[in-house]
PDB file of N, CA and C in Angstrom:
ATOM      1  N   MET A   1      -6.743   1.700  10.687  1.00  0.00           N
ATOM      2  CA  MET A   1      -6.812   0.452  10.481  1.00  0.00           C
ATOM      3  C   MET A   1      -6.896  -0.253  11.895  1.00  0.00           C
ATOM      4  N   ASN A   2      -7.575  -1.369  12.021  1.00  0.00           N
ATOM      5  CA  ASN A   2      -7.949  -1.787  13.186  1.00  0.00           C
ATOM      6  C   ASN A   2      -7.660  -3.310  12.951  1.00  0.00           C
ATOM      7  N   GLY A   3      -7.601  -4.049  14.152  1.00  0.00           N
ATOM      8  CA  GLY A   3      -7.640  -5.687  14.070  1.00  0.00           C
ATOM      9  C   GLY A   3      -6.605  -6.352  14.394  1.00  0.00           C
ATOM     10  N   THR A   4      -5.375  -6.395  13.612  1.00  0.00           N
ATOM     11  CA  THR A   4      -4.213  -7.269  13.920  1.00  0.00           C
ATOM     12  C   THR A   4      -3.187  -6.462  14.675  1.00  0.00           C
ATOM     13  N   SER A   5      -2.311  -7.165  15.015  1.00  0.00           N
ATOM     14  CA  SER A   5      -1.048  -6.807  15.737  1.00  0.00           C
ATOM     15  C   SER A   5      -0.096  -6.042  14.648  1.00  0.00           C
ATOM     16  N   ILE A   6       0.724  -4.884  15.192  1.00  0.00           N
ATOM     17  CA  ILE A   6       1.578  -4.336  14.369  1.00  0.00           C
ATOM     18  C   ILE A   6       2.988  -5.023  13.972  1.00  0.00           C
ATOM     19  N   GLN A   7       3.345  -5.280  12.855  1.00  0.00           N
ATOM     20  CA  GLN A   7       4.599  -5.891  12.607  1.00  0.00           C
ATOM     21  C   GLN A   7       5.546  -4.710  12.543  1.00  0.00           C
ATOM     22  N   GLU A   8       6.727  -5.110  12.561  1.00  0.00           N
ATOM     23  CA  GLU A   8       7.922  -4.338  12.357  1.00  0.00           C
ATOM     24  C   GLU A   8       8.084  -3.498  11.039  1.00  0.00           C
ATOM     25  N   VAL A   9       8.368  -2.340  11.117  1.00  0.00           N
ATOM     26  CA  VAL A   9       8.464  -1.349   9.869  1.00  0.00           C
ATOM     27  C   VAL A   9       9.666  -1.507   9.435  1.00  0.00           C
ATOM     28  N   THR A  10       9.795  -1.635   7.859  1.00  0.00           N
ATOM     29  CA  THR A  10      11.029  -1.608   7.346  1.00  0.00           C
ATOM     30  C   THR A  10      10.758  -0.565   6.220  1.00  0.00           C
ATOM     31  N   ASP A  11      11.989  -0.175   5.577  1.00  0.00           N
ATOM     32  CA  ASP A  11      11.862   0.771   4.513  1.00  0.00           C
ATOM     33  C   ASP A  11      11.449   0.287   3.262  1.00  0.00           C
ATOM     34  N   THR A  12      10.338   0.671   2.772  1.00  0.00           N
ATOM     35  CA  THR A  12       9.770   0.153   1.530  1.00  0.00           C
ATOM     36  C   THR A  12      10.436   0.475   0.365  1.00  0.00           C
ATOM     37  N   GLU A  13      11.052   1.710   0.342  1.00  0.00           N
ATOM     38  CA  GLU A  13      11.679   2.059  -0.758  1.00  0.00           C
ATOM     39  C   GLU A  13      12.703   0.987  -1.512  1.00  0.00           C
ATOM     40  N   ASP A  14      13.502   0.423  -0.775  1.00  0.00           N
ATOM     41  CA  ASP A  14      14.209  -0.855  -1.306  1.00  0.00           C
ATOM     42  C   ASP A  14      13.629  -1.766  -2.068  1.00  0.00           C
ATOM     43  N   SER A  15      12.420  -2.209  -1.451  1.00  0.00           N
ATOM     44  CA  SER A  15      11.542  -3.462  -2.080  1.00  0.00           C
ATOM     45  C   SER A  15      10.880  -3.095  -3.076  1.00  0.00           C
ATOM     46  N   ILE A  16      10.579  -1.935  -3.393  1.00  0.00           N
ATOM     47  CA  ILE A  16       9.679  -1.519  -4.518  1.00  0.00           C
ATOM     48  C   ILE A  16      10.345  -0.760  -5.775  1.00  0.00           C
ATOM     49  N   GLY A  17      11.697  -0.588  -5.480  1.00  0.00           N
ATOM     50  CA  GLY A  17      12.397   0.085  -6.541  1.00  0.00           C
ATOM     51  C   GLY A  17      11.999   1.526  -6.980  1.00  0.00           C
ATOM     52  N   THR A  18      12.832   2.204  -7.509  1.00  0.00           N
ATOM     53  CA  THR A  18      12.887   3.476  -7.629  1.00  0.00           C
ATOM     54  C   THR A  18      13.125   3.969  -9.315  1.00  0.00           C
ATOM     55  N   ASP A  19      12.921   3.110 -10.386  1.00  0.00           N
ATOM     56  CA  ASP A  19      13.139   3.173 -11.379  1.00  0.00           C
ATOM     57  C   ASP A  19      12.130   4.082 -12.245  1.00  0.00           C
ATOM     58  N   PHE A  20      11.039   4.193 -11.629  1.00  0.00           N
ATOM     59  CA  PHE A  20       9.671   4.834 -12.317  1.00  0.00           C
ATOM     60  C   PHE A  20       9.556   6.088 -11.615  1.00  0.00           C
ATOM     61  N   GLY A  21       8.934   6.848 -12.157  1.00  0.00           N
ATOM     62  CA  GLY A  21       8.632   8.375 -11.758  1.00  0.00           C
ATOM     63  C   GLY A  21       7.364   8.389 -11.017  1.00  0.00           C
ATOM     64  N   TRP A  22       6.463   7.272 -11.132  1.00  0.00           N
ATOM     65  CA  TRP A  22       5.103   7.151 -10.837  1.00  0.00           C
ATOM     66  C   TRP A  22       5.036   6.432  -9.444  1.00  0.00           C
ATOM     67  N   ARG A  23       4.015   6.681  -8.607  1.00  0.00           N
ATOM     68  CA  ARG A  23       4.000   5.937  -7.295  1.00  0.00           C
ATOM     69  C   ARG A  23       2.407   6.063  -6.867  1.00  0.00           C
ATOM     70  N   VAL A  24       2.250   4.992  -5.959  1.00  0.00           N
ATOM     71  CA  VAL A  24       0.884   4.891  -5.572  1.00  0.00           C
ATOM     72  C   VAL A  24       1.024   5.013  -3.945  1.00  0.00           C
ATOM     73  N   THR A  25       0.584   6.158  -3.419  1.00  0.00           N
ATOM     74  CA  THR A  25       0.733   6.305  -1.857  1.00  0.00           C
ATOM     75  C   THR A  25      -0.717   5.919  -1.205  1.00  0.00           C
ATOM     76  N   LEU A  26      -0.736   5.066  -0.537  1.00  0.00           N
ATOM     77  CA  LEU A  26      -1.711   4.693   0.466  1.00  0.00           C
ATOM     78  C   LEU A  26      -1.845   5.425   1.860  1.00  0.00           C
ATOM     79  N   PHE A  27      -2.970   6.042   2.160  1.00  0.00           N
ATOM     80  CA  PHE A  27      -3.094   6.803   3.251  1.00  0.00           C
ATOM     81  C   PHE A  27      -3.818   6.018   4.405  1.00  0.00           C
ATOM     82  N   ASN A  28      -3.732   6.216   5.709  1.00  0.00           N
ATOM     83  CA  ASN A  28      -4.361   5.588   6.806  1.00  0.00           C
ATOM     84  C   ASN A  28      -5.751   6.052   6.897  1.00  0.00           C
ATOM     85  N   CYS A  29      -6.502   5.095   7.232  1.00  0.00           N
ATOM     86  CA  CYS A  29      -7.983   5.398   7.708  1.00  0.00           C
ATOM     87  C   CYS A  29      -8.402   4.290   8.825  1.00  0.00           C
ATOM     88  N   GLU A  30      -9.184   4.698   9.683  1.00  0.00           N
ATOM     89  CA  GLU A  30      -9.635   3.652  10.712  1.00  0.00           C
ATOM     90  C   GLU A  30     -10.845   2.864  10.311  1.00  0.00           C
ATOM     91  N   CYS A  31     -11.257   2.810   9.088  1.00  0.00           N
ATOM     92  CA  CYS A  31     -12.274   2.144   8.522  1.00  0.00           C
ATOM     93  C   CYS A  31     -12.228   0.753   8.125  1.00  0.00           C
ATOM     94  N   HIS A  32     -10.666   0.188   7.846  1.00  0.00           N
ATOM     95  CA  HIS A  32     -10.452  -1.025   7.422  1.00  0.00           C
ATOM     96  C   HIS A  32      -9.582  -1.836   8.516  1.00  0.00           C
ATOM     97  N   THR A  33      -9.718  -3.093   8.436  1.00  0.00           N
ATOM     98  CA  THR A  33      -8.942  -4.062   9.286  1.00  0.00           C
ATOM     99  C   THR A  33      -7.662  -4.141   8.558  1.00  0.00           C
ATOM    100  N   PHE A  34      -6.477  -4.544   9.414  1.00  0.00           N
ATOM    101  CA  PHE A  34      -5.366  -4.820   8.607  1.00  0.00           C
ATOM    102  C   PHE A  34      -5.540  -5.942   7.628  1.00  0.00           C
ATOM    103  N   ASP A  35      -6.313  -6.854   8.100  1.00  0.00           N
ATOM    104  CA  ASP A  35      -6.531  -8.146   7.154  1.00  0.00           C
ATOM    105  C   ASP A  35      -7.177  -7.472   5.718  1.00  0.00           C
ATOM    106  N   ASP A  36      -8.144  -6.711   5.808  1.00  0.00           N
ATOM    107  CA  ASP A  36      -8.898  -6.238   4.667  1.00  0.00           C
ATOM    108  C   ASP A  36      -7.670  -5.491   3.588  1.00  0.00           C
ATOM    109  N   VAL A  37      -7.048  -4.551   4.428  1.00  0.00           N
ATOM    110  CA  VAL A  37      -5.736  -3.801   3.726  1.00  0.00           C
ATOM    111  C   VAL A  37      -4.776  -4.670   3.077  1.00  0.00           C
ATOM    112  N   GLU A  38      -4.475  -5.487   3.762  1.00  0.00           N
ATOM    113  CA  GLU A  38      -3.250  -6.586   3.245  1.00  0.00           C
ATOM    114  C   GLU A  38      -3.962  -7.239   2.176  1.00  0.00           C
ATOM    115  N   ARG A  39      -4.954  -7.928   2.277  1.00  0.00           N
ATOM    116  CA  ARG A  39      -5.577  -8.661   1.177  1.00  0.00           C
ATOM    117  C   ARG A  39      -5.638  -7.825  -0.059  1.00  0.00           C
ATOM    118  N   GLN A  40      -6.021  -6.569   0.063  1.00  0.00           N
ATOM    119  CA  GLN A  40      -6.245  -5.877  -1.081  1.00  0.00           C
ATOM    120  C   GLN A  40      -4.904  -5.277  -1.829  1.00  0.00           C
ATOM    121  N   LEU A  41      -3.921  -5.080  -0.917  1.00  0.00           N
ATOM    122  CA  LEU A  41      -2.485  -4.937  -1.226  1.00  0.00           C
ATOM    123  C   LEU A  41      -1.791  -5.974  -2.169  1.00  0.00           C
ATOM    124  N   ILE A  42      -2.130  -7.160  -1.795  1.00  0.00           N
ATOM    125  CA  ILE A  42      -1.687  -8.412  -2.527  1.00  0.00           C
ATOM    126  C   ILE A  42      -2.411  -8.367  -3.792  1.00  0.00           C
ATOM    127  N   LYS A  43      -3.711  -8.479  -3.970  1.00  0.00           N
ATOM    128  CA  LYS A  43      -4.502  -8.312  -5.049  1.00  0.00           C
ATOM    129  C   LYS A  43      -4.024  -7.228  -6.093  1.00  0.00           C
ATOM    130  N   ALA A  44      -3.796  -5.959  -5.390  1.00  0.00           N
ATOM    131  CA  ALA A  44      -3.337  -4.775  -6.114  1.00  0.00           C
ATOM    132  C   ALA A  44      -1.861  -4.741  -6.824  1.00  0.00           C
ATOM    133  N   THR A  45      -1.156  -5.120  -5.929  1.00  0.00           N
ATOM    134  CA  THR A  45       0.444  -4.976  -6.282  1.00  0.00           C
ATOM    135  C   THR A  45       1.087  -6.346  -6.402  1.00  0.00           C
ATOM    136  N   ARG A  46       0.557  -7.496  -6.348  1.00  0.00           N
ATOM    137  CA  ARG A  46       1.027  -8.720  -6.413  1.00  0.00           C
ATOM    138  C   ARG A  46       2.278  -9.162  -5.326  1.00  0.00           C
ATOM    139  N   CYS A  47       2.225  -8.182  -4.276  1.00  0.00           N
ATOM    140  CA  CYS A  47       3.334  -8.467  -3.328  1.00  0.00           C
ATOM    141  C   CYS A  47       2.850  -9.624  -2.403  1.00  0.00           C
ATOM    142  N   THR A  48       3.951 -10.103  -1.605  1.00  0.00           N
ATOM    143  CA  THR A  48       3.713 -11.212  -0.539  1.00  0.00           C
ATOM    144  C   THR A  48       2.953 -10.792   0.506  1.00  0.00           C
ATOM    145  N   LEU A  49       2.337 -11.570   1.442  1.00  0.00           N
ATOM    146  CA  LEU A  49       1.635 -11.257   2.452  1.00  0.00           C
ATOM    147  C   LEU A  49       2.638 -10.544   3.511  1.00  0.00           C
ATOM    148  N   SER A  50       3.866 -10.934   3.588  1.00  0.00           N
ATOM    149  CA  SER A  50       4.692 -10.346   4.448  1.00  0.00           C
ATOM    150  C   SER A  50       4.865  -8.852   4.066  1.00  0.00           C
ATOM    151  N   GLN A  51       5.156  -8.402   2.776  1.00  0.00           N
ATOM    152  CA  GLN A  51       5.369  -7.321   2.251  1.00  0.00           C
ATOM    153  C   GLN A  51       3.960  -6.458   2.524  1.00  0.00           C
ATOM    154  N   ALA A  52       2.721  -7.028   2.523  1.00  0.00           N
ATOM    155  CA  ALA A  52       1.610  -6.393   2.572  1.00  0.00           C
ATOM    156  C   ALA A  52       1.450  -5.939   4.193  1.00  0.00           C
ATOM    157  N   ARG A  53       1.845  -6.827   5.063  1.00  0.00           N
ATOM    158  CA  ARG A  53       2.147  -6.459   6.313  1.00  0.00           C
ATOM    159  C   ARG A  53       2.930  -5.327   6.685  1.00  0.00           C
ATOM    160  N   ARG A  54       3.996  -5.452   6.091  1.00  0.00           N
ATOM    161  CA  ARG A  54       5.064  -4.415   6.278  1.00  0.00           C
ATOM    162  C   ARG A  54       4.443  -2.737   5.933  1.00  0.00           C
ATOM    163  N   TYR A  55       3.699  -2.785   4.521  1.00  0.00           N
ATOM    164  CA  TYR A  55       3.005  -1.685   4.137  1.00  0.00           C
ATOM    165  C   TYR A  55       1.952  -1.201   4.946  1.00  0.00           C
ATOM    166  N   SER A  56       0.950  -2.107   5.428  1.00  0.00           N
ATOM    167  CA  SER A  56      -0.096  -1.904   6.480  1.00  0.00           C
ATOM    168  C   SER A  56       0.584  -1.303   7.678  1.00  0.00           C
ATOM    169  N   SER A  57       1.525  -1.727   8.207  1.00  0.00           N
ATOM    170  CA  SER A  57       2.021  -1.158   9.469  1.00  0.00           C
ATOM    171  C   SER A  57       2.545   0.167   9.239  1.00  0.00           C
ATOM    172  N   GLU A  58       3.311   0.346   8.282  1.00  0.00           N
ATOM    173  CA  GLU A  58       3.791   1.690   7.983  1.00  0.00           C
ATOM    174  C   GLU A  58       2.558   2.631   7.804  1.00  0.00           C
ATOM    175  N   VAL A  59       1.743   2.296   6.957  1.00  0.00           N
ATOM    176  CA  VAL A  59       0.494   3.138   7.001  1.00  0.00           C
ATOM    177  C   VAL A  59      -0.248   3.612   8.321  1.00  0.00           C
ATOM    178  N   HIS A  60      -0.247   2.640   8.901  1.00  0.00           N
ATOM    179  CA  HIS A  60      -0.925   2.724  10.223  1.00  0.00           C
ATOM    180  C   HIS A  60      -0.027   3.607  11.032  1.00  0.00           C
ATOM    181  N   ASN A  61       1.311   3.409  11.050  1.00  0.00           N
ATOM    182  CA  ASN A  61       2.232   4.223  12.102  1.00  0.00           C
ATOM    183  C   ASN A  61       2.554   5.696  11.609  1.00  0.00           C
ATOM    184  N   ARG A  62       2.835   5.680  10.269  1.00  0.00           N
ATOM    185  CA  ARG A  62       3.222   6.896   9.711  1.00  0.00           C
ATOM    186  C   ARG A  62       2.010   7.712   9.134  1.00  0.00           C
ATOM    187  N   GLY A  63       1.086   7.146   8.779  1.00  0.00           N
ATOM    188  CA  GLY A  63      -0.142   7.755   8.200  1.00  0.00           C
ATOM    189  C   GLY A  63      -0.076   7.552   6.715  1.00  0.00           C
ATOM    190  N   SER A  64       0.848   7.059   6.220  1.00  0.00           N
ATOM    191  CA  SER A  64       0.759   6.768   4.577  1.00  0.00           C
ATOM    192  C   SER A  64       2.273   6.113   4.296  1.00  0.00           C
ATOM    193  N   ALA A  65       2.004   5.407   3.193  1.00  0.00           N
ATOM    194  CA  ALA A  65       3.344   4.672   2.556  1.00  0.00           C
ATOM    195  C   ALA A  65       3.100   4.503   1.107  1.00  0.00           C
ATOM    196  N   VAL A  66       4.430   4.800   0.440  1.00  0.00           N
ATOM    197  CA  VAL A  66       4.241   4.153  -1.008  1.00  0.00           C
ATOM    198  C   VAL A  66       4.247   2.854  -1.145  1.00  0.00           C
ATOM    199  N   VAL A  67       3.182   2.458  -1.786  1.00  0.00           N
ATOM    200  CA  VAL A  67       3.295   0.905  -1.918  1.00  0.00           C
ATOM    201  C   VAL A  67       3.327   0.206  -3.247  1.00  0.00           C
ATOM    202  N   TYR A  68       3.646   1.205  -4.272  1.00  0.00           N
ATOM    203  CA  TYR A  68       3.838   0.751  -5.554  1.00  0.00           C
ATOM    204  C   TYR A  68       4.606   1.747  -6.416  1.00  0.00           C
ATOM    205  N   ARG A  69       5.351   1.365  -7.084  1.00  0.00           N
ATOM    206  CA  ARG A  69       6.199   2.421  -8.255  1.00  0.00           C
ATOM    207  C   ARG A  69       6.131   1.709  -9.598  1.00  0.00           C
ATOM    208  N   GLY A  70       5.843   2.310 -10.517  1.00  0.00           N
ATOM    209  CA  GLY A  70       5.914   2.088 -11.759  1.00  0.00           C
ATOM    210  C   GLY A  70       5.275   3.089 -12.948  1.00  0.00           C
ATOM    211  N   PRO A  71       5.034   2.410 -14.129  1.00  0.00           N
ATOM    212  CA  PRO A  71       4.544   3.404 -15.203  1.00  0.00           C
ATOM    213  C   PRO A  71       3.281   3.872 -14.835  1.00  0.00           C
ATOM    214  N   GLN A  72       3.031   5.094 -15.144  1.00  0.00           N
ATOM    215  CA  GLN A  72       1.612   5.792 -14.912  1.00  0.00           C
ATOM    216  C   GLN A  72       0.271   4.805 -15.104  1.00  0.00           C
ATOM    217  N   GLU A  73       0.189   4.040 -16.233  1.00  0.00           N
ATOM    218  CA  GLU A  73      -0.806   3.377 -16.491  1.00  0.00           C
ATOM    219  C   GLU A  73      -1.016   2.316 -15.336  1.00  0.00           C
ATOM    220  N   ARG A  74       0.095   1.539 -15.045  1.00  0.00           N
ATOM    221  CA  ARG A  74       0.076   0.426 -13.860  1.00  0.00           C
ATOM    222  C   ARG A  74      -0.361   1.280 -12.549  1.00  0.00           C
ATOM    223  N   CYS A  75       0.377   2.333 -12.255  1.00  0.00           N
ATOM    224  CA  CYS A  75       0.126   2.936 -11.008  1.00  0.00           C
ATOM    225  C   CYS A  75      -1.393   3.220 -10.946  1.00  0.00           C
ATOM    226  N   GLU A  76      -2.121   3.560 -11.828  1.00  0.00           N
ATOM    227  CA  GLU A  76      -3.574   4.016 -11.975  1.00  0.00           C
ATOM    228  C   GLU A  76      -4.386   2.699 -11.697  1.00  0.00           C
ATOM    229  N   ALA A  77      -3.992   1.802 -12.551  1.00  0.00           N
ATOM    230  CA  ALA A  77      -4.702   0.305 -12.144  1.00  0.00           C
ATOM    231  C   ALA A  77      -4.544  -0.257 -10.782  1.00  0.00           C
ATOM    232  N   VAL A  78      -3.242   0.039 -10.048  1.00  0.00           N
ATOM    233  CA  VAL A  78      -2.888  -0.531  -8.764  1.00  0.00           C
ATOM    234  C   VAL A  78      -4.084   0.342  -7.706  1.00  0.00           C
ATOM    235  N   ALA A  79      -4.050   1.605  -8.158  1.00  0.00           N
ATOM    236  CA  ALA A  79      -4.759   2.568  -7.117  1.00  0.00           C
ATOM    237  C   ALA A  79      -6.460   2.166  -7.394  1.00  0.00           C
ATOM    238  N   GLY A  80      -6.619   1.681  -8.616  1.00  0.00           N
ATOM    239  CA  GLY A  80      -8.184   1.663  -9.030  1.00  0.00           C
ATOM    240  C   GLY A  80      -8.528   0.425  -7.980  1.00  0.00           C
ATOM    241  N   VAL A  81      -7.654  -0.684  -7.847  1.00  0.00           N
ATOM    242  CA  VAL A  81      -7.968  -1.923  -7.271  1.00  0.00           C
ATOM    243  C   VAL A  81      -8.061  -1.719  -5.768  1.00  0.00           C
ATOM    244  N   LEU A  82      -7.072  -0.730  -5.080  1.00  0.00           N
ATOM    245  CA  LEU A  82      -7.186  -0.328  -3.769  1.00  0.00           C
ATOM    246  C   LEU A  82      -8.390   0.344  -3.501  1.00  0.00           C
ATOM    247  N   GLU A  83      -8.691   1.328  -4.353  1.00  0.00           N
ATOM    248  CA  GLU A  83     -10.015   2.137  -4.359  1.00  0.00           C
ATOM    249  C   GLU A  83     -11.352   1.130  -4.257  1.00  0.00           C
ATOM    250  N   ASP A  84     -11.139   0.086  -4.716  1.00  0.00           N
ATOM    251  CA  ASP A  84     -12.353  -0.794  -4.998  1.00  0.00           C
ATOM    252  C   ASP A  84     -13.040  -1.257  -3.727  1.00  0.00           C
ATOM    253  N   ILE A  85     -12.007  -0.968  -2.524  1.00  0.00           N
ATOM    254  CA  ILE A  85     -12.676  -1.178  -1.164  1.00  0.00           C
ATOM    255  C   ILE A  85     -12.714   0.117  -0.402  1.00  0.00           C
ATOM    256  N   ARG A  86     -12.583   1.338  -0.999  1.00  0.00           N
ATOM    257  CA  ARG A  86     -12.583   2.469  -0.428  1.00  0.00           C
ATOM    258  C   ARG A  86     -11.323   3.072   0.335  1.00  0.00           C
ATOM    259  N   LEU A  87     -10.161   2.259  -0.042  1.00  0.00           N
ATOM    260  CA  LEU A  87      -8.803   2.983   0.603  1.00  0.00           C
ATOM    261  C   LEU A  87      -8.351   4.323  -0.001  1.00  0.00           C
ATOM    262  N   LEU A  88      -7.996   4.885   0.899  1.00  0.00           N
ATOM    263  CA  LEU A  88      -7.494   6.506   0.266  1.00  0.00           C
ATOM    264  C   LEU A  88      -6.199   6.157  -0.464  1.00  0.00           C
ATOM    265  N   VAL A  89      -6.068   6.572  -1.545  1.00  0.00           N
ATOM    266  CA  VAL A  89      -4.883   6.499  -2.396  1.00  0.00           C
ATOM    267  C   VAL A  89      -4.526   7.702  -3.162  1.00  0.00           C
ATOM    268  N   LYS A  90      -3.485   8.040  -3.650  1.00  0.00           N
ATOM    269  CA  LYS A  90      -3.040   9.042  -4.308  1.00  0.00           C
ATOM    270  C   LYS A  90      -1.935   8.512  -5.539  1.00  0.00           C
ATOM    271  N   VAL A  91      -2.217   8.699  -6.577  1.00  0.00           N
ATOM    272  CA  VAL A  91      -1.192   8.554  -7.901  1.00  0.00           C
ATOM    273  C   VAL A  91      -0.459   9.891  -7.933  1.00  0.00           C
ATOM    274  N   SER A  92       0.945   9.773  -8.087  1.00  0.00           N
ATOM    275  CA  SER A  92       1.506  11.012  -8.169  1.00  0.00           C
ATOM    276  C   SER A  92       2.962  10.815  -8.913  1.00  0.00           C
ATOM    277  N   GLN A  93       3.437  11.875  -9.377  1.00  0.00           N
ATOM    278  CA  GLN A  93       4.961  11.811 -10.185  1.00  0.00           C
ATOM    279  C   GLN A  93       5.937  12.248  -9.160  1.00  0.00           C
TER     280      GLN A  93
END
């Protein structure tokens, strides 16, 4: 990711819950701006801009981040929206 400044990274596990066995992992790539990724995260997961910034920063700094947890069908839908702009994602249990 390129473009905007890095925000402080926080642990995303607390904010996305752990009640579901399925998750969407977003992987880093250098072909999208932070703004593009954050906008798509908001669209896909309905998170706040602040949370999207934390996710994008974590992905940039660590190489990946779990950006959503939920039922399998919802995770697949979230992944589909992220993939609309060719973000690299994985749905797993």
